[in-house]
Amino acid sequence: MEKLLWGPVGGVASLLLLWGMLALRDGPGHAAGFLGFLLAVAIGVAGFIRLLKEDEAPAALALMIMYSAWIVLFIASLGMQDQQILHDRGATSNATVTRTIVTSDPMGGVGPSVTAVDLRLDDGTVLHKVGTRGDRPALGDRLQVTADPRGTVETRLGPRPDPPGRAVAIAMLSVMGLCALLVLLLPGD
């Protein structure tokens, strides 16, 4: 019964926490999201220690792998969520570069490069310090820019992005499901 609690039930609870954290990220719930992350990690650590104390080393290892996959899924989801938000509700506008911000990192061996730009949209709105993400626009260039109307995600140069790929999420969910079953089914020492 205890293996059922730590494996499949703990895995489902962690996925629900992940869903809640991502939902809260779009609103004023950053602190709640962080606390949810800490709670899921605490559940994983507690289950791992409890299974080790019960001489269930194979199940404890499967649980550790399951929560490692959860952490990878959490990190990947944050990046995918930004792209999904811009895909779903991003507003694309044409803009002109009014200022380039050039920075360098001599200690890192990086010479001067354009890292951000100020833009004037066609409607007259001015956007300051939009990151270039490797692009190198020049003063006066005409660009497309995509902004989140709610301001949750940073404005990006370029058209609305395609929806994010789901391969990492599917792989990590598969690992989590397999490990949850292993926690339940592996015999003890």
Protein backbone atom coordinates (compact mmCIF):
# COMPACT_ATOMS: atom_id res chain seq x y z
CA MET A 1 0.00 0.00 0.00
CA GLU A 2 2.82 2.41 0.85
CA LYS A 3 4.45 1.81 -2.55
CA LEU A 4 1.16 2.76 -4.21
CA LEU A 5 1.21 6.04 -2.26
CA TRP A 6 4.77 6.98 -3.21
CA GLY A 7 4.72 5.74 -6.81
CA PRO A 8 1.55 6.26 -8.87
CA VAL A 9 -0.28 8.51 -6.40
CA GLY A 10 2.82 10.66 -5.78
CA GLY A 11 3.44 10.90 -9.52
CA VAL A 12 -0.11 12.03 -10.25
CA ALA A 13 0.04 14.53 -7.37
CA SER A 14 3.31 15.93 -8.74
CA LEU A 15 1.83 16.32 -12.22
CA LEU A 16 -1.17 18.14 -10.74
CA LEU A 17 1.24 20.42 -8.87
CA LEU A 18 3.10 21.07 -12.14
CA TRP A 19 -0.14 21.93 -13.89
CA GLY A 20 -1.11 24.28 -11.06
CA MET A 21 2.30 25.97 -11.03
CA LEU A 22 2.16 26.61 -14.76
CA ALA A 23 -1.38 27.95 -14.47
CA LEU A 24 -0.35 30.28 -11.62
CA ARG A 25 2.65 31.55 -13.58
CA ASP A 26 0.34 33.47 -15.89
CA GLY A 27 -1.06 35.44 -12.97
CA PRO A 28 0.16 36.83 -9.66
CA GLY A 29 1.12 33.39 -8.29
CA HIS A 30 4.91 33.24 -8.71
CA ALA A 31 5.47 32.57 -5.00
CA ALA A 32 2.77 29.89 -4.97
CA GLY A 33 4.40 28.23 -7.99
CA PHE A 34 7.76 28.16 -6.25
CA LEU A 35 6.19 26.69 -3.11
CA GLY A 36 4.49 24.05 -5.27
CA PHE A 37 7.86 23.13 -6.75
CA LEU A 38 9.37 22.80 -3.26
CA LEU A 39 6.40 20.69 -2.14
CA ALA A 40 6.80 18.26 -5.04
CA VAL A 41 10.53 17.93 -4.36
CA ALA A 42 9.79 17.36 -0.66
CA ILE A 43 7.29 14.61 -1.55
CA GLY A 44 9.92 12.92 -3.71
CA VAL A 45 12.65 13.14 -1.07
CA ALA A 46 10.30 11.91 1.67
CA GLY A 47 9.20 8.96 -0.44
CA PHE A 48 12.79 8.10 -1.35
CA ILE A 49 13.90 8.12 2.30
CA ARG A 50 10.83 6.18 3.44
CA LEU A 51 11.32 3.46 0.82
CA LEU A 52 15.02 3.17 1.70
CA LYS A 53 14.13 2.70 5.37
CA GLU A 54 11.76 -0.10 4.40
CA ASP A 55 14.55 -1.91 2.48
CA GLU A 56 12.94 -1.09 -0.84
CA ALA A 57 16.10 0.09 -2.62
CA PRO A 58 14.95 -0.76 -6.19
CA ALA A 59 11.66 1.04 -5.63
CA ALA A 60 13.50 4.01 -4.07
CA LEU A 61 15.76 4.21 -7.13
CA ALA A 62 12.74 4.13 -9.46
CA LEU A 63 11.15 6.90 -7.38
CA MET A 64 14.31 9.00 -7.59
CA ILE A 65 14.35 8.60 -11.39
CA MET A 66 10.64 9.48 -11.55
CA TYR A 67 11.17 12.75 -9.68
CA SER A 68 14.30 13.54 -11.70
CA ALA A 69 12.16 13.22 -14.84
CA TRP A 70 9.59 15.49 -13.17
CA ILE A 71 12.23 18.17 -12.59
CA VAL A 72 13.35 17.96 -16.25
CA LEU A 73 9.69 18.19 -17.31
CA PHE A 74 9.19 21.22 -15.05
CA ILE A 75 12.19 23.06 -16.50
CA ALA A 76 11.24 22.18 -20.08
CA SER A 77 7.63 23.26 -19.46
CA LEU A 78 8.67 26.75 -18.47
CA GLY A 79 10.41 27.30 -21.81
CA MET A 80 7.59 25.68 -23.74
CA GLN A 81 4.99 27.76 -21.94
CA ASP A 82 6.53 31.06 -23.10
CA GLN A 83 6.51 29.85 -26.70
CA GLN A 84 2.93 28.55 -26.36
CA ILE A 85 1.69 31.84 -24.89
CA LEU A 86 3.19 33.82 -27.78
CA HIS A 87 1.77 31.30 -30.25
CA ASP A 88 -1.72 31.50 -28.73
CA ARG A 89 -2.15 35.19 -28.00
CA GLY A 90 0.94 37.02 -29.26
CA ALA A 91 0.24 40.20 -31.18
CA THR A 92 2.58 40.76 -34.13
CA SER A 93 3.46 44.30 -35.24
CA ASN A 94 5.92 45.94 -37.59
CA ALA A 95 8.54 48.16 -35.97
CA THR A 96 11.58 50.28 -36.72
CA VAL A 97 14.80 50.04 -34.73
CA THR A 98 15.40 53.43 -33.08
CA ARG A 99 18.38 52.48 -30.91
CA THR A 100 20.74 49.54 -30.63
CA ILE A 101 22.24 48.55 -27.31
CA VAL A 102 25.72 47.14 -27.73
CA THR A 103 27.38 45.15 -24.97
CA SER A 104 30.48 43.03 -24.70
CA ASP A 105 31.98 40.54 -22.32
CA PRO A 106 35.78 40.78 -22.60
CA MET A 107 36.25 38.24 -19.79
CA GLY A 108 34.09 35.74 -21.67
CA GLY A 109 35.84 36.43 -24.97
CA VAL A 110 32.74 38.02 -26.50
CA GLY A 111 33.30 41.19 -28.47
CA PRO A 112 30.83 44.02 -28.87
CA SER A 113 27.45 42.91 -30.19
CA VAL A 114 23.89 44.19 -30.31
CA THR A 115 22.04 42.56 -27.42
CA ALA A 116 18.89 44.70 -27.27
CA VAL A 117 17.06 47.33 -29.28
CA ASP A 118 14.53 50.08 -28.78
CA LEU A 119 11.69 49.90 -31.28
CA ARG A 120 8.99 52.23 -32.55
CA LEU A 121 5.88 50.33 -33.61
CA ASP A 122 3.87 51.53 -36.60
CA ASP A 123 1.19 52.85 -34.20
CA GLY A 124 3.82 55.08 -32.51
CA THR A 125 4.29 52.97 -29.38
CA VAL A 126 7.91 52.70 -28.23
CA LEU A 127 9.33 49.48 -26.79
CA HIS A 128 12.56 49.68 -24.82
CA LYS A 129 15.31 47.08 -24.47
CA VAL A 130 13.80 44.25 -26.49
CA GLY A 131 16.32 41.38 -26.43
CA THR A 132 17.72 40.38 -29.80
CA ARG A 133 18.42 36.70 -28.97
CA GLY A 134 21.33 36.50 -31.37
CA ASP A 135 19.87 38.67 -34.14
CA ARG A 136 21.93 41.71 -35.11
CA PRO A 137 19.56 44.44 -36.29
CA ALA A 138 20.91 47.84 -37.30
CA LEU A 139 19.56 51.30 -36.65
CA GLY A 140 16.61 51.97 -38.97
CA ASP A 141 15.89 48.30 -39.77
CA ARG A 142 12.24 47.31 -40.18
CA LEU A 143 11.35 44.24 -38.12
CA GLN A 144 8.43 42.17 -37.00
CA VAL A 145 7.94 41.95 -33.24
CA THR A 146 5.60 39.70 -31.22
CA ALA A 147 4.31 40.85 -27.85
CA ASP A 148 2.11 39.24 -25.21
CA PRO A 149 -0.82 41.62 -24.64
CA ARG A 150 -0.88 40.65 -20.94
CA GLY A 151 2.86 41.21 -20.54
CA THR A 152 3.51 37.78 -19.01
CA VAL A 153 6.13 36.87 -21.62
CA GLU A 154 8.91 39.15 -22.87
CA THR A 155 8.46 40.73 -26.28
CA ARG A 156 10.44 38.94 -29.00
CA LEU A 157 11.69 39.88 -32.41
CA GLY A 158 10.08 37.99 -35.28
CA PRO A 159 6.65 36.64 -36.17
CA ARG A 160 4.46 34.58 -33.82
CA PRO A 161 6.26 31.32 -33.07
CA ASP A 162 5.01 27.88 -33.97
CA PRO A 163 3.63 25.82 -31.09
CA PRO A 164 6.39 24.16 -29.08
CA GLY A 165 7.43 20.60 -29.76
CA ARG A 166 6.13 18.02 -27.32
CA ALA A 167 8.86 15.37 -27.62
CA VAL A 168 10.59 16.19 -24.31
CA ALA A 169 7.29 16.32 -22.43
CA ILE A 170 6.12 13.00 -23.88
CA ALA A 171 9.46 11.34 -23.10
CA MET A 172 9.52 12.59 -19.50
CA LEU A 173 5.88 11.64 -18.91
CA SER A 174 6.65 8.17 -20.25
CA VAL A 175 9.64 7.85 -17.90
CA MET A 176 7.51 9.02 -15.00
CA GLY A 177 4.74 6.53 -15.79
CA LEU A 178 7.17 3.63 -16.12
CA CYS A 179 8.96 4.54 -12.90
CA ALA A 180 5.67 4.92 -11.02
CA LEU A 181 4.76 1.38 -12.07
CA LEU A 182 8.21 0.13 -11.12
CA VAL A 183 7.87 1.66 -7.65
CA LEU A 184 4.63 -0.27 -7.26
CA LEU A 185 5.76 -3.57 -8.76
CA LEU A 186 9.44 -3.98 -7.84
CA PRO A 187 10.03 -6.45 -5.03
CA GLY A 188 11.85 -5.33 -1.90
CA ASP A 189 15.32 -6.50 -0.84
